[in-house]
Amino acid sequence: MPESEELAQIIAGCKKSETDSFSQLIDMYSTRCYGYFYRLTGNSDISDELLSRLFVKLVEKIHSFRGGSFEGWLFKVASNIFHDHLRDKQRQKKLLQARIERLQEQTEPAKNSVDNGVDQLQIQLEKLDEDTRELIMLRFYSQLSFKEIARMRAEPIGTTLSKLHRALKKLRKLVERKRL
């Protein structure tokens, strides 16, 4: 289906770096692209993040659109972003699993002691969601800097700091509940 004249003008404006044109394009496609990501991930936070990445990529790559179906091109970019997300998630999962295995190997001799703090900490860590547990593991077990974690997760450092603060707060609550 040929592109509408209005869409062609908007795309031409985007190629000229016109902010209003980008806003129009985002308004036209944000709902559909969000729905695409949400159906793939089932998670609104991840969908929002992927949608943001898509529109950043759109600004960076609009000059590579050479005609044809804009929607086809846009959803190809969206698909690539989703697959990058899956690869990142798989990499992070492998890293986390390796860290957990190392931690378990280090704490195995202490399994006889129920009061062992490391064992209790591991039990409480396992109660956290994957993302929260991963942040704590990356920072304290992998000893990565906040900057390295933010870069690895492709998010602003402030977001990483905020998420880590909330993660530690959750862990603290779990540990305190266990003591009571």
Protein backbone atom coordinates (compact mmCIF):
# COMPACT_ATOMS: atom_id res chain seq x y z
CA MET A 1 0.00 0.00 0.00
CA PRO A 2 1.51 3.36 -1.00
CA GLU A 3 2.35 5.79 1.79
CA SER A 4 -0.07 8.67 2.28
CA GLU A 5 1.02 12.12 1.22
CA GLU A 6 0.69 13.31 4.85
CA LEU A 7 3.01 10.56 6.12
CA ALA A 8 5.50 11.29 3.33
CA GLN A 9 5.58 14.95 4.40
CA ILE A 10 6.04 14.00 8.06
CA ILE A 11 8.91 11.66 7.17
CA ALA A 12 10.51 14.39 5.03
CA GLY A 13 10.23 16.74 8.03
CA CYS A 14 11.86 14.13 10.26
CA LYS A 15 14.74 13.82 7.83
CA LYS A 16 15.17 17.60 8.18
CA SER A 17 15.26 17.10 11.99
CA GLU A 18 11.99 18.98 12.53
CA THR A 19 10.82 18.33 16.08
CA ASP A 20 7.13 18.71 15.21
CA SER A 21 7.43 16.03 12.54
CA PHE A 22 8.97 13.59 15.00
CA SER A 23 6.19 14.38 17.47
CA GLN A 24 3.57 13.67 14.81
CA LEU A 25 5.25 10.39 13.89
CA ILE A 26 5.41 9.33 17.53
CA ASP A 27 1.74 10.23 18.00
CA MET A 28 0.84 8.17 14.92
CA TYR A 29 2.72 5.02 15.92
CA SER A 30 3.27 4.97 19.68
CA THR A 31 0.09 3.04 20.53
CA ARG A 32 0.66 0.35 17.90
CA CYS A 33 4.35 -0.03 18.72
CA TYR A 34 3.64 -0.19 22.45
CA GLY A 35 1.02 -2.87 21.77
CA TYR A 36 3.54 -4.80 19.70
CA PHE A 37 6.10 -4.73 22.51
CA TYR A 38 3.51 -5.49 25.18
CA ARG A 39 2.24 -8.55 23.33
CA LEU A 40 5.83 -9.78 23.04
CA THR A 41 6.91 -9.10 26.63
CA GLY A 42 3.71 -9.07 28.68
CA ASN A 43 5.33 -6.36 30.81
CA SER A 44 4.35 -2.69 30.68
CA ASP A 45 7.66 -1.38 32.09
CA ILE A 46 9.72 -3.30 29.54
CA SER A 47 7.30 -2.25 26.78
CA ASP A 48 7.73 1.41 27.77
CA GLU A 49 11.50 1.02 27.77
CA LEU A 50 11.53 -0.69 24.36
CA LEU A 51 9.19 1.96 22.96
CA SER A 52 11.57 4.67 24.16
CA ARG A 53 14.48 2.88 22.55
CA LEU A 54 12.49 2.57 19.32
CA PHE A 55 11.83 6.28 19.09
CA VAL A 56 15.43 7.15 19.93
CA LYS A 57 16.49 4.74 17.19
CA LEU A 58 13.93 6.34 14.86
CA VAL A 59 15.58 9.73 15.34
CA GLU A 60 19.01 8.19 14.73
CA LYS A 61 18.04 6.08 11.71
CA ILE A 62 15.29 8.04 9.90
CA HIS A 63 17.78 8.96 7.18
CA SER A 64 18.19 5.27 6.32
CA PHE A 65 14.52 5.02 5.30
CA ARG A 66 14.60 5.07 1.52
CA GLY A 67 10.94 4.70 0.69
CA GLY A 68 8.59 1.77 0.46
CA SER A 69 6.48 0.77 3.43
CA PHE A 70 7.34 3.00 6.38
CA GLU A 71 5.40 0.74 8.72
CA GLY A 72 7.38 -2.26 7.49
CA TRP A 73 10.61 -0.38 8.08
CA LEU A 74 9.48 0.88 11.52
CA PHE A 75 8.41 -2.56 12.71
CA LYS A 76 11.65 -4.07 11.41
CA VAL A 77 13.51 -1.59 13.64
CA ALA A 78 11.12 -2.50 16.50
CA SER A 79 11.78 -6.19 15.90
CA ASN A 80 15.54 -5.62 16.01
CA ILE A 81 15.18 -3.73 19.30
CA PHE A 82 13.11 -6.56 20.76
CA HIS A 83 15.69 -9.16 19.69
CA ASP A 84 18.48 -7.02 21.17
CA HIS A 85 16.47 -6.95 24.40
CA LEU A 86 16.18 -10.76 24.36
CA ARG A 87 19.91 -11.15 23.79
CA ASP A 88 20.68 -8.70 26.62
CA LYS A 89 18.26 -10.52 28.91
CA GLN A 90 19.83 -13.89 28.06
CA ARG A 91 23.33 -12.48 28.66
CA GLN A 92 22.25 -11.03 31.99
CA LYS A 93 20.57 -14.28 32.98
CA LYS A 94 23.74 -16.27 32.23
CA LEU A 95 25.84 -13.79 34.19
CA LEU A 96 23.44 -13.92 37.11
CA GLN A 97 23.32 -17.73 37.06
CA ALA A 98 27.11 -17.92 37.05
CA ARG A 99 27.23 -15.55 40.02
CA ILE A 100 24.63 -17.57 41.90
CA GLU A 101 26.54 -20.80 41.26
CA ARG A 102 29.77 -19.22 42.51
CA LEU A 103 28.00 -17.91 45.58
CA GLN A 104 26.48 -21.33 46.26
CA GLU A 105 29.89 -22.98 45.90
CA GLN A 106 31.35 -20.49 48.35
CA THR A 107 28.58 -21.04 50.90
CA GLU A 108 28.21 -24.85 50.60
CA PRO A 109 30.45 -25.68 53.58
CA ALA A 110 28.34 -23.42 55.79
CA LYS A 111 25.05 -25.18 54.95
CA ASN A 112 25.05 -26.96 58.31
CA SER A 113 24.60 -23.67 60.15
CA VAL A 114 21.02 -22.38 59.91
CA ASP A 115 22.00 -19.06 61.46
CA ASN A 116 24.69 -18.36 58.89
CA GLY A 117 24.11 -14.80 57.61
CA VAL A 118 25.23 -15.58 54.06
CA ASP A 119 22.75 -18.46 53.80
CA GLN A 120 19.95 -16.29 55.13
CA LEU A 121 20.89 -13.53 52.74
CA GLN A 122 20.82 -15.97 49.82
CA ILE A 123 17.38 -17.19 50.87
CA GLN A 124 16.08 -13.63 51.01
CA LEU A 125 17.72 -12.76 47.67
CA GLU A 126 15.88 -15.65 46.04
CA LYS A 127 12.57 -14.13 47.17
CA LEU A 128 13.23 -11.00 45.10
CA ASP A 129 12.14 -10.66 41.48
CA GLU A 130 14.77 -11.35 38.81
CA ASP A 131 15.48 -7.72 37.96
CA THR A 132 15.88 -6.67 41.59
CA ARG A 133 18.09 -9.63 42.45
CA GLU A 134 20.18 -9.02 39.34
CA LEU A 135 20.85 -5.39 40.28
CA ILE A 136 22.07 -6.38 43.73
CA MET A 137 24.22 -9.18 42.32
CA LEU A 138 25.77 -6.93 39.68
CA ARG A 139 26.61 -4.22 42.16
CA PHE A 140 27.73 -6.17 45.22
CA TYR A 141 28.76 -9.61 44.00
CA SER A 142 30.12 -8.62 40.59
CA GLN A 143 31.40 -5.34 42.02
CA LEU A 144 30.43 -3.41 38.91
CA SER A 145 30.23 0.36 39.18
CA PHE A 146 26.91 2.14 38.85
CA LYS A 147 28.09 3.51 35.52
CA GLU A 148 28.95 0.02 34.24
CA ILE A 149 25.57 -1.35 35.33
CA ALA A 150 23.72 1.56 33.71
CA ARG A 151 25.65 1.06 30.47
CA MET A 152 25.04 -2.69 30.53
CA ARG A 153 21.31 -2.19 31.09
CA ALA A 154 21.14 0.67 28.58
CA GLU A 155 19.51 3.05 31.02
CA PRO A 156 20.44 6.40 32.55
CA ILE A 157 22.66 6.16 35.63
CA GLY A 158 19.98 7.92 37.71
CA THR A 159 17.52 5.17 36.83
CA THR A 160 20.04 2.54 37.86
CA LEU A 161 20.73 4.30 41.16
CA SER A 162 17.02 4.60 41.88
CA LYS A 163 16.32 0.96 41.04
CA LEU A 164 19.23 -0.20 43.18
CA HIS A 165 18.04 1.92 46.08
CA ARG A 166 14.57 0.33 45.84
CA ALA A 167 16.15 -3.12 45.50
CA LEU A 168 18.15 -2.69 48.70
CA LYS A 169 15.07 -1.39 50.48
CA LYS A 170 13.12 -4.54 49.45
CA LEU A 171 15.96 -6.79 50.57
CA ARG A 172 16.26 -4.95 53.89
CA LYS A 173 12.52 -5.46 54.54
CA LEU A 174 12.82 -9.19 53.81
CA VAL A 175 15.83 -9.57 56.09
CA GLU A 176 14.15 -7.60 58.89
CA ARG A 177 10.98 -9.72 58.61
CA LYS A 178 13.09 -12.85 58.92
CA ARG A 179 14.67 -11.56 62.15
CA LEU A 180 11.28 -10.93 63.79
